Amino acid sequence: MEAAVSGRETTKRMRTAASASAMSNGGEEDTASQVSAGGVVAASSGGVAAATETEGEEMAAAEEEEMAAASAETEEHVQRILLAIDGFTRQVSEMLEAGRALFKNLAADFEDRLCTIHKERVEKWEEDIRELRARDAANEQARALLHNAQAHLLGTVRHE
């Protein structure tokens, strides 16, 4: 948008310069000036040719100024884009670091919780094993007692 406004201003300056040149040459009617988007095109005869060369030089200088202005605007825009890229890169880097820290903490918490679950389960199974062995020992004692009682009864019955 700014480049278009700058281009219009340059075109207006060229029209003004062409009009002033035509007036200074005595207002000759054979001077035909056309203004185009690219600049002023002047066609004239005789003594006006020298003025046309000067106008051409002025046009070239004006175009160079316009290009320098456009280049400056372009460079400013490029710098803004580069700053945006740097900012975005920093933001992504910070997010990656935060993500790494979060996952590191989550991984440590997960590992701790998994180890705790394992330990609790193993302790429960070990308690089950102790209970089974205690029950088995009690059953063996009861079996031995019953066996002795049976043997005693059988021995008593035989003696009678």
N, C-alpha and C. Protein backbone atom coordinates (compact mmCIF):
# COMPACT_ATOMS: atom_id res chain seq x y z
N MET A 1 0.83 -1.18 0.00
CA MET A 1 0.00 0.00 0.00
C MET A 1 0.88 1.24 0.00
N GLU A 2 1.90 1.27 0.86
CA GLU A 2 2.79 2.41 0.93
C GLU A 2 3.57 2.58 -0.37
N ALA A 3 3.92 1.47 -1.00
CA ALA A 3 4.65 1.54 -2.26
C ALA A 3 3.77 2.16 -3.34
N ALA A 4 2.45 1.84 -3.32
CA ALA A 4 1.54 2.40 -4.31
C ALA A 4 1.40 3.90 -4.11
N VAL A 5 1.30 4.36 -2.87
CA VAL A 5 1.20 5.78 -2.58
C VAL A 5 2.47 6.48 -3.01
N SER A 6 3.62 5.89 -2.73
CA SER A 6 4.90 6.46 -3.12
C SER A 6 5.00 6.55 -4.64
N GLY A 7 4.49 5.54 -5.33
CA GLY A 7 4.51 5.54 -6.79
C GLY A 7 3.64 6.65 -7.36
N ARG A 8 2.47 6.90 -6.74
CA ARG A 8 1.57 7.98 -7.18
C ARG A 8 2.23 9.33 -6.99
N GLU A 9 2.89 9.50 -5.84
CA GLU A 9 3.57 10.76 -5.58
C GLU A 9 4.68 11.01 -6.60
N THR A 10 5.40 9.98 -6.96
CA THR A 10 6.46 10.10 -7.96
C THR A 10 5.87 10.47 -9.31
N THR A 11 4.75 9.83 -9.66
CA THR A 11 4.09 10.14 -10.94
C THR A 11 3.63 11.58 -10.95
N LYS A 12 3.07 12.10 -9.85
CA LYS A 12 2.64 13.49 -9.77
C LYS A 12 3.83 14.43 -9.96
N ARG A 13 4.96 14.09 -9.30
CA ARG A 13 6.16 14.92 -9.45
C ARG A 13 6.62 14.96 -10.90
N MET A 14 6.53 13.82 -11.57
CA MET A 14 6.96 13.76 -12.97
C MET A 14 6.04 14.58 -13.85
N ARG A 15 4.75 14.55 -13.59
CA ARG A 15 3.81 15.36 -14.37
C ARG A 15 4.12 16.84 -14.18
N THR A 16 4.37 17.23 -12.93
CA THR A 16 4.67 18.63 -12.64
C THR A 16 5.95 19.04 -13.34
N ALA A 17 6.96 18.18 -13.32
CA ALA A 17 8.23 18.48 -13.98
C ALA A 17 8.05 18.59 -15.49
N ALA A 18 7.22 17.74 -16.07
CA ALA A 18 6.98 17.78 -17.51
C ALA A 18 6.24 19.04 -17.89
N SER A 19 5.25 19.45 -17.07
CA SER A 19 4.49 20.68 -17.35
C SER A 19 5.40 21.88 -17.26
N ALA A 20 6.24 21.93 -16.23
CA ALA A 20 7.15 23.05 -16.05
C ALA A 20 8.14 23.12 -17.20
N SER A 21 8.59 21.99 -17.66
CA SER A 21 9.53 21.96 -18.78
C SER A 21 8.87 22.47 -20.05
N ALA A 22 7.63 22.09 -20.28
CA ALA A 22 6.91 22.52 -21.48
C ALA A 22 6.69 24.03 -21.44
N MET A 23 6.39 24.58 -20.27
CA MET A 23 6.17 26.01 -20.14
C MET A 23 7.47 26.78 -20.34
N SER A 24 8.58 26.25 -19.83
CA SER A 24 9.85 26.96 -19.94
C SER A 24 10.37 26.96 -21.37
N ASN A 25 9.90 26.05 -22.20
CA ASN A 25 10.33 26.00 -23.60
C ASN A 25 9.45 26.87 -24.47
N GLY A 26 8.71 27.81 -23.90
CA GLY A 26 7.95 28.74 -24.70
C GLY A 26 6.58 28.20 -25.02
N GLY A 27 6.16 27.16 -24.40
CA GLY A 27 4.82 26.66 -24.60
C GLY A 27 4.62 26.10 -25.98
N GLU A 28 5.64 25.50 -26.60
CA GLU A 28 5.51 24.93 -27.93
C GLU A 28 4.44 23.87 -27.94
N GLU A 29 3.59 23.90 -28.96
CA GLU A 29 2.48 22.99 -29.03
C GLU A 29 2.87 21.62 -29.56
N ASP A 30 4.07 21.49 -30.13
CA ASP A 30 4.45 20.19 -30.67
C ASP A 30 5.02 19.26 -29.59
N THR A 31 5.02 19.72 -28.34
CA THR A 31 5.50 18.86 -27.27
C THR A 31 4.34 18.00 -26.81
N ALA A 32 4.52 16.74 -26.91
CA ALA A 32 3.48 15.80 -26.46
C ALA A 32 4.05 15.03 -25.29
N SER A 33 3.35 15.11 -24.20
CA SER A 33 3.81 14.39 -23.01
C SER A 33 2.76 13.38 -22.64
N GLN A 34 3.24 12.21 -22.33
CA GLN A 34 2.35 11.16 -21.86
C GLN A 34 2.89 10.65 -20.55
N VAL A 35 2.01 10.45 -19.66
CA VAL A 35 2.41 9.92 -18.38
C VAL A 35 1.94 8.49 -18.33
N SER A 36 2.87 7.61 -18.02
CA SER A 36 2.51 6.20 -17.87
C SER A 36 2.93 5.75 -16.49
N ALA A 37 2.58 4.54 -16.14
CA ALA A 37 2.95 4.01 -14.83
C ALA A 37 4.46 3.96 -14.68
N GLY A 38 5.17 3.80 -15.77
CA GLY A 38 6.63 3.71 -15.72
C GLY A 38 7.29 5.06 -15.65
N GLY A 39 6.61 6.13 -15.96
CA GLY A 39 7.23 7.43 -15.88
C GLY A 39 6.70 8.33 -16.98
N VAL A 40 7.42 9.39 -17.27
CA VAL A 40 7.00 10.35 -18.27
C VAL A 40 7.70 10.02 -19.58
N VAL A 41 6.90 9.96 -20.63
CA VAL A 41 7.47 9.75 -21.95
C VAL A 41 7.27 11.05 -22.70
N ALA A 42 8.33 11.66 -23.12
CA ALA A 42 8.22 12.96 -23.79
C ALA A 42 8.73 12.83 -25.21
N ALA A 43 7.94 13.37 -26.13
CA ALA A 43 8.35 13.40 -27.53
C ALA A 43 8.32 14.85 -27.98
N SER A 44 9.41 15.32 -28.50
CA SER A 44 9.45 16.72 -28.91
C SER A 44 10.43 16.87 -30.06
N SER A 45 10.46 18.06 -30.60
CA SER A 45 11.35 18.31 -31.72
C SER A 45 12.25 19.48 -31.42
N GLY A 46 13.40 19.50 -32.06
CA GLY A 46 14.30 20.64 -31.98
C GLY A 46 14.90 20.84 -30.61
N GLY A 47 14.74 22.07 -30.04
CA GLY A 47 15.36 22.49 -28.79
C GLY A 47 14.76 21.79 -27.57
N VAL A 48 13.65 21.15 -27.78
CA VAL A 48 13.02 20.46 -26.67
C VAL A 48 13.75 19.16 -26.38
N ALA A 49 14.53 18.62 -27.31
CA ALA A 49 15.24 17.36 -27.13
C ALA A 49 16.21 17.45 -25.96
N ALA A 50 16.87 18.58 -25.78
CA ALA A 50 17.80 18.75 -24.67
C ALA A 50 17.04 18.72 -23.35
N ALA A 51 15.88 19.33 -23.34
CA ALA A 51 15.07 19.33 -22.11
C ALA A 51 14.59 17.92 -21.81
N THR A 52 14.31 17.14 -22.85
CA THR A 52 13.86 15.77 -22.67
C THR A 52 14.96 14.93 -22.04
N GLU A 53 16.20 15.15 -22.44
CA GLU A 53 17.32 14.42 -21.86
C GLU A 53 17.45 14.75 -20.37
N THR A 54 17.28 16.02 -20.03
CA THR A 54 17.36 16.43 -18.63
C THR A 54 16.22 15.79 -17.84
N GLU A 55 15.04 15.79 -18.46
CA GLU A 55 13.89 15.14 -17.81
C GLU A 55 14.16 13.65 -17.61
N GLY A 56 14.79 13.01 -18.60
CA GLY A 56 15.12 11.60 -18.50
C GLY A 56 16.06 11.34 -17.34
N GLU A 57 17.04 12.23 -17.16
CA GLU A 57 17.96 12.10 -16.05
C GLU A 57 17.24 12.28 -14.71
N GLU A 58 16.33 13.28 -14.69
CA GLU A 58 15.55 13.51 -13.48
C GLU A 58 14.66 12.30 -13.18
N MET A 59 14.09 11.74 -14.25
CA MET A 59 13.24 10.55 -14.08
C MET A 59 14.06 9.40 -13.51
N ALA A 60 15.25 9.21 -14.05
CA ALA A 60 16.11 8.12 -13.57
C ALA A 60 16.45 8.33 -12.10
N ALA A 61 16.73 9.57 -11.72
CA ALA A 61 17.05 9.87 -10.32
C ALA A 61 15.82 9.61 -9.45
N ALA A 62 14.64 10.02 -9.96
CA ALA A 62 13.41 9.81 -9.20
C ALA A 62 13.11 8.31 -9.05
N GLU A 63 13.35 7.57 -10.12
CA GLU A 63 13.13 6.11 -10.05
C GLU A 63 14.10 5.46 -9.05
N GLU A 64 15.35 5.93 -9.04
CA GLU A 64 16.32 5.40 -8.09
C GLU A 64 15.90 5.70 -6.65
N GLU A 65 15.39 6.93 -6.43
CA GLU A 65 14.89 7.28 -5.10
C GLU A 65 13.73 6.38 -4.71
N GLU A 66 12.84 6.16 -5.69
CA GLU A 66 11.67 5.31 -5.43
C GLU A 66 12.11 3.89 -5.10
N MET A 67 13.08 3.38 -5.87
CA MET A 67 13.58 2.03 -5.62
C MET A 67 14.28 1.97 -4.26
N ALA A 68 15.03 3.02 -3.91
CA ALA A 68 15.70 3.05 -2.62
C ALA A 68 14.66 3.06 -1.50
N ALA A 69 13.58 3.86 -1.70
CA ALA A 69 12.51 3.90 -0.71
C ALA A 69 11.83 2.54 -0.62
N ALA A 70 11.56 1.95 -1.78
CA ALA A 70 10.93 0.63 -1.80
C ALA A 70 11.87 -0.39 -1.18
N SER A 71 13.15 -0.29 -1.48
CA SER A 71 14.11 -1.22 -0.92
C SER A 71 14.19 -1.05 0.60
N ALA A 72 14.14 0.18 1.06
CA ALA A 72 14.17 0.42 2.50
C ALA A 72 12.93 -0.17 3.15
N GLU A 73 11.77 0.04 2.52
CA GLU A 73 10.53 -0.53 3.05
C GLU A 73 10.60 -2.06 3.04
N THR A 74 11.14 -2.59 1.95
CA THR A 74 11.27 -4.04 1.85
C THR A 74 12.21 -4.57 2.92
N GLU A 75 13.34 -3.90 3.09
CA GLU A 75 14.29 -4.32 4.11
C GLU A 75 13.68 -4.24 5.51
N GLU A 76 12.90 -3.17 5.74
CA GLU A 76 12.23 -3.04 7.04
C GLU A 76 11.26 -4.20 7.25
N HIS A 77 10.52 -4.54 6.20
CA HIS A 77 9.57 -5.66 6.28
C HIS A 77 10.32 -6.98 6.51
N VAL A 78 11.43 -7.17 5.80
CA VAL A 78 12.24 -8.38 5.97
C VAL A 78 12.76 -8.46 7.40
N GLN A 79 13.21 -7.32 7.95
CA GLN A 79 13.71 -7.32 9.33
C GLN A 79 12.61 -7.69 10.32
N ARG A 80 11.37 -7.19 10.06
CA ARG A 80 10.26 -7.56 10.94
C ARG A 80 9.99 -9.06 10.87
N ILE A 81 10.06 -9.62 9.68
CA ILE A 81 9.84 -11.05 9.51
C ILE A 81 10.95 -11.83 10.23
N LEU A 82 12.19 -11.39 10.08
CA LEU A 82 13.31 -12.07 10.76
C LEU A 82 13.16 -12.00 12.28
N LEU A 83 12.71 -10.85 12.79
CA LEU A 83 12.46 -10.73 14.22
C LEU A 83 11.35 -11.68 14.66
N ALA A 84 10.31 -11.80 13.83
CA ALA A 84 9.22 -12.72 14.15
C ALA A 84 9.73 -14.16 14.16
N ILE A 85 10.60 -14.50 13.22
CA ILE A 85 11.18 -15.85 13.17
C ILE A 85 12.00 -16.10 14.43
N ASP A 86 12.83 -15.13 14.82
CA ASP A 86 13.63 -15.28 16.04
C ASP A 86 12.74 -15.46 17.27
N GLY A 87 11.71 -14.64 17.37
CA GLY A 87 10.79 -14.75 18.50
C GLY A 87 10.10 -16.10 18.54
N PHE A 88 9.64 -16.55 17.37
CA PHE A 88 8.96 -17.85 17.29
C PHE A 88 9.92 -18.98 17.64
N THR A 89 11.16 -18.88 17.16
CA THR A 89 12.17 -19.91 17.46
C THR A 89 12.44 -19.96 18.96
N ARG A 90 12.56 -18.78 19.60
CA ARG A 90 12.76 -18.77 21.05
C ARG A 90 11.56 -19.39 21.77
N GLN A 91 10.37 -19.06 21.30
CA GLN A 91 9.16 -19.60 21.92
C GLN A 91 9.11 -21.13 21.80
N VAL A 92 9.42 -21.64 20.62
CA VAL A 92 9.43 -23.10 20.42
C VAL A 92 10.50 -23.74 21.29
N SER A 93 11.66 -23.12 21.37
CA SER A 93 12.74 -23.66 22.20
C SER A 93 12.31 -23.71 23.67
N GLU A 94 11.68 -22.64 24.15
CA GLU A 94 11.20 -22.63 25.53
C GLU A 94 10.14 -23.70 25.76
N MET A 95 9.26 -23.87 24.79
CA MET A 95 8.23 -24.90 24.92
C MET A 95 8.85 -26.29 24.94
N LEU A 96 9.86 -26.51 24.12
CA LEU A 96 10.54 -27.81 24.13
C LEU A 96 11.21 -28.07 25.48
N GLU A 97 11.87 -27.06 26.01
CA GLU A 97 12.51 -27.22 27.32
C GLU A 97 11.47 -27.50 28.40
N ALA A 98 10.36 -26.77 28.36
CA ALA A 98 9.30 -26.99 29.35
C ALA A 98 8.72 -28.39 29.19
N GLY A 99 8.54 -28.82 27.94
CA GLY A 99 8.03 -30.17 27.67
C GLY A 99 8.98 -31.24 28.17
N ARG A 100 10.26 -31.04 27.92
CA ARG A 100 11.26 -32.01 28.40
C ARG A 100 11.21 -32.11 29.92
N ALA A 101 11.17 -30.96 30.58
CA ALA A 101 11.13 -30.95 32.05
C ALA A 101 9.86 -31.64 32.55
N LEU A 102 8.74 -31.33 31.88
CA LEU A 102 7.47 -31.94 32.28
C LEU A 102 7.52 -33.45 32.11
N PHE A 103 8.00 -33.91 30.96
CA PHE A 103 8.07 -35.35 30.72
C PHE A 103 9.09 -36.02 31.64
N LYS A 104 10.17 -35.31 31.95
CA LYS A 104 11.15 -35.87 32.88
C LYS A 104 10.51 -36.07 34.24
N ASN A 105 9.76 -35.05 34.71
CA ASN A 105 9.06 -35.16 36.00
C ASN A 105 8.00 -36.25 35.94
N LEU A 106 7.25 -36.30 34.84
CA LEU A 106 6.22 -37.33 34.70
C LEU A 106 6.84 -38.72 34.67
N ALA A 107 7.95 -38.85 33.98
CA ALA A 107 8.63 -40.14 33.90
C ALA A 107 9.12 -40.57 35.28
N ALA A 108 9.67 -39.64 36.04
CA ALA A 108 10.14 -39.97 37.39
C ALA A 108 8.96 -40.36 38.27
N ASP A 109 7.85 -39.60 38.18
CA ASP A 109 6.65 -39.94 38.97
C ASP A 109 6.10 -41.30 38.57
N PHE A 110 6.06 -41.56 37.27
CA PHE A 110 5.57 -42.84 36.77
C PHE A 110 6.43 -43.99 37.29
N GLU A 111 7.74 -43.81 37.20
CA GLU A 111 8.67 -44.83 37.67
C GLU A 111 8.49 -45.09 39.17
N ASP A 112 8.39 -44.01 39.94
CA ASP A 112 8.19 -44.16 41.39
C ASP A 112 6.88 -44.89 41.68
N ARG A 113 5.83 -44.49 41.02
CA ARG A 113 4.52 -45.12 41.26
C ARG A 113 4.54 -46.59 40.85
N LEU A 114 5.13 -46.90 39.71
CA LEU A 114 5.20 -48.28 39.25
C LEU A 114 6.02 -49.13 40.21
N CYS A 115 7.12 -48.60 40.72
CA CYS A 115 7.93 -49.34 41.69
C CYS A 115 7.16 -49.56 42.98
N THR A 116 6.41 -48.55 43.41
CA THR A 116 5.59 -48.68 44.63
C THR A 116 4.53 -49.76 44.45
N ILE A 117 3.86 -49.75 43.30
CA ILE A 117 2.83 -50.77 43.02
C ILE A 117 3.46 -52.16 43.05
N HIS A 118 4.62 -52.31 42.41
CA HIS A 118 5.32 -53.60 42.38
C HIS A 118 5.66 -54.06 43.79
N LYS A 119 6.22 -53.15 44.58
CA LYS A 119 6.62 -53.48 45.95
C LYS A 119 5.41 -53.92 46.77
N GLU A 120 4.30 -53.16 46.67
CA GLU A 120 3.09 -53.50 47.43
C GLU A 120 2.55 -54.87 47.02
N ARG A 121 2.56 -55.16 45.72
CA ARG A 121 2.04 -56.44 45.22
C ARG A 121 2.91 -57.60 45.69
N VAL A 122 4.21 -57.43 45.60
CA VAL A 122 5.14 -58.48 46.03
C VAL A 122 4.99 -58.73 47.52
N GLU A 123 4.89 -57.65 48.31
CA GLU A 123 4.70 -57.81 49.76
C GLU A 123 3.40 -58.56 50.06
N LYS A 124 2.33 -58.26 49.32
CA LYS A 124 1.06 -58.97 49.52
C LYS A 124 1.22 -60.45 49.20
N TRP A 125 1.89 -60.78 48.11
CA TRP A 125 2.08 -62.18 47.74
C TRP A 125 2.96 -62.90 48.77
N GLU A 126 3.98 -62.21 49.26
CA GLU A 126 4.83 -62.81 50.29
C GLU A 126 4.03 -63.09 51.56
N GLU A 127 3.13 -62.17 51.93
CA GLU A 127 2.25 -62.40 53.07
C GLU A 127 1.33 -63.59 52.82
N ASP A 128 0.81 -63.71 51.59
CA ASP A 128 -0.03 -64.87 51.23
C ASP A 128 0.76 -66.17 51.38
N ILE A 129 2.02 -66.14 50.95
CA ILE A 129 2.87 -67.34 51.07
C ILE A 129 3.07 -67.70 52.54
N ARG A 130 3.35 -66.70 53.39
CA ARG A 130 3.53 -66.97 54.83
C ARG A 130 2.25 -67.57 55.43
N GLU A 131 1.10 -67.02 55.05
CA GLU A 131 -0.18 -67.54 55.55
C GLU A 131 -0.39 -68.98 55.10
N LEU A 132 -0.09 -69.26 53.83
CA LEU A 132 -0.24 -70.63 53.31
C LEU A 132 0.67 -71.59 54.07
N ARG A 133 1.91 -71.20 54.31
CA ARG A 133 2.85 -72.07 55.03
C ARG A 133 2.39 -72.28 56.48
N ALA A 134 1.88 -71.20 57.10
CA ALA A 134 1.39 -71.34 58.48
C ALA A 134 0.17 -72.27 58.51
N ARG A 135 -0.73 -72.15 57.59
CA ARG A 135 -1.89 -73.01 57.50
C ARG A 135 -1.48 -74.47 57.26
N ASP A 136 -0.50 -74.61 56.34
CA ASP A 136 -0.01 -75.95 56.03
C ASP A 136 0.61 -76.60 57.27
N ALA A 137 1.39 -75.81 58.00
CA ALA A 137 2.01 -76.34 59.23
C ALA A 137 0.93 -76.73 60.24
N ALA A 138 -0.11 -75.89 60.38
CA ALA A 138 -1.20 -76.20 61.31
C ALA A 138 -1.93 -77.45 60.85
N ASN A 139 -2.14 -77.57 59.55
CA ASN A 139 -2.80 -78.77 59.01
C ASN A 139 -1.96 -80.03 59.26
N GLU A 140 -0.66 -79.89 59.09
CA GLU A 140 0.22 -81.04 59.33
C GLU A 140 0.18 -81.46 60.81
N GLN A 141 0.16 -80.48 61.69
CA GLN A 141 0.06 -80.80 63.12
C GLN A 141 -1.27 -81.51 63.42
N ALA A 142 -2.35 -80.96 62.83
CA ALA A 142 -3.67 -81.57 63.04
C ALA A 142 -3.69 -82.97 62.47
N ARG A 143 -3.11 -83.18 61.31
CA ARG A 143 -3.07 -84.50 60.70
C ARG A 143 -2.27 -85.47 61.57
N ALA A 144 -1.12 -85.01 62.06
CA ALA A 144 -0.29 -85.86 62.92
C ALA A 144 -1.04 -86.20 64.20
N LEU A 145 -1.73 -85.23 64.79
CA LEU A 145 -2.50 -85.47 66.00
C LEU A 145 -3.62 -86.48 65.74
N LEU A 146 -4.31 -86.29 64.63
CA LEU A 146 -5.38 -87.23 64.27
C LEU A 146 -4.82 -88.62 63.99
N HIS A 147 -3.69 -88.68 63.35
CA HIS A 147 -3.06 -89.96 63.04
C HIS A 147 -2.67 -90.67 64.35
N ASN A 148 -2.09 -89.93 65.28
CA ASN A 148 -1.73 -90.50 66.59
C ASN A 148 -2.97 -90.98 67.34
N ALA A 149 -4.03 -90.16 67.26
CA ALA A 149 -5.27 -90.55 67.94
C ALA A 149 -5.85 -91.80 67.31
N GLN A 150 -5.80 -91.87 66.02
CA GLN A 150 -6.30 -93.06 65.32
C GLN A 150 -5.47 -94.28 65.70
N ALA A 151 -4.18 -94.10 65.72
CA ALA A 151 -3.30 -95.21 66.07
C ALA A 151 -3.54 -95.66 67.51
N HIS A 152 -3.75 -94.73 68.40
CA HIS A 152 -4.01 -95.06 69.77
C HIS A 152 -5.34 -95.81 69.93
N LEU A 153 -6.35 -95.35 69.18
CA LEU A 153 -7.64 -96.01 69.23
C LEU A 153 -7.56 -97.43 68.67
N LEU A 154 -6.86 -97.58 67.59
CA LEU A 154 -6.72 -98.90 66.99
C LEU A 154 -5.94 -99.81 67.92
N GLY A 155 -4.96 -99.26 68.57
CA GLY A 155 -4.17 -100.07 69.51
C GLY A 155 -4.99 -100.45 70.72
N THR A 156 -5.86 -99.64 71.14
CA THR A 156 -6.71 -99.91 72.30
C THR A 156 -7.74 -100.96 71.94
N VAL A 157 -8.27 -100.87 70.76
CA VAL A 157 -9.29 -101.81 70.30
C VAL A 157 -8.66 -103.19 70.14
N ARG A 158 -7.50 -103.35 69.74
CA ARG A 158 -6.84 -104.62 69.53
C ARG A 158 -6.52 -105.27 70.87
N HIS A 159 -6.24 -104.54 71.82
CA HIS A 159 -5.90 -105.11 73.14
C HIS A 159 -7.14 -105.55 73.88
N GLU A 160 -8.20 -105.23 73.52
CA GLU A 160 -9.41 -105.62 74.20
C GLU A 160 -9.98 -106.81 73.61
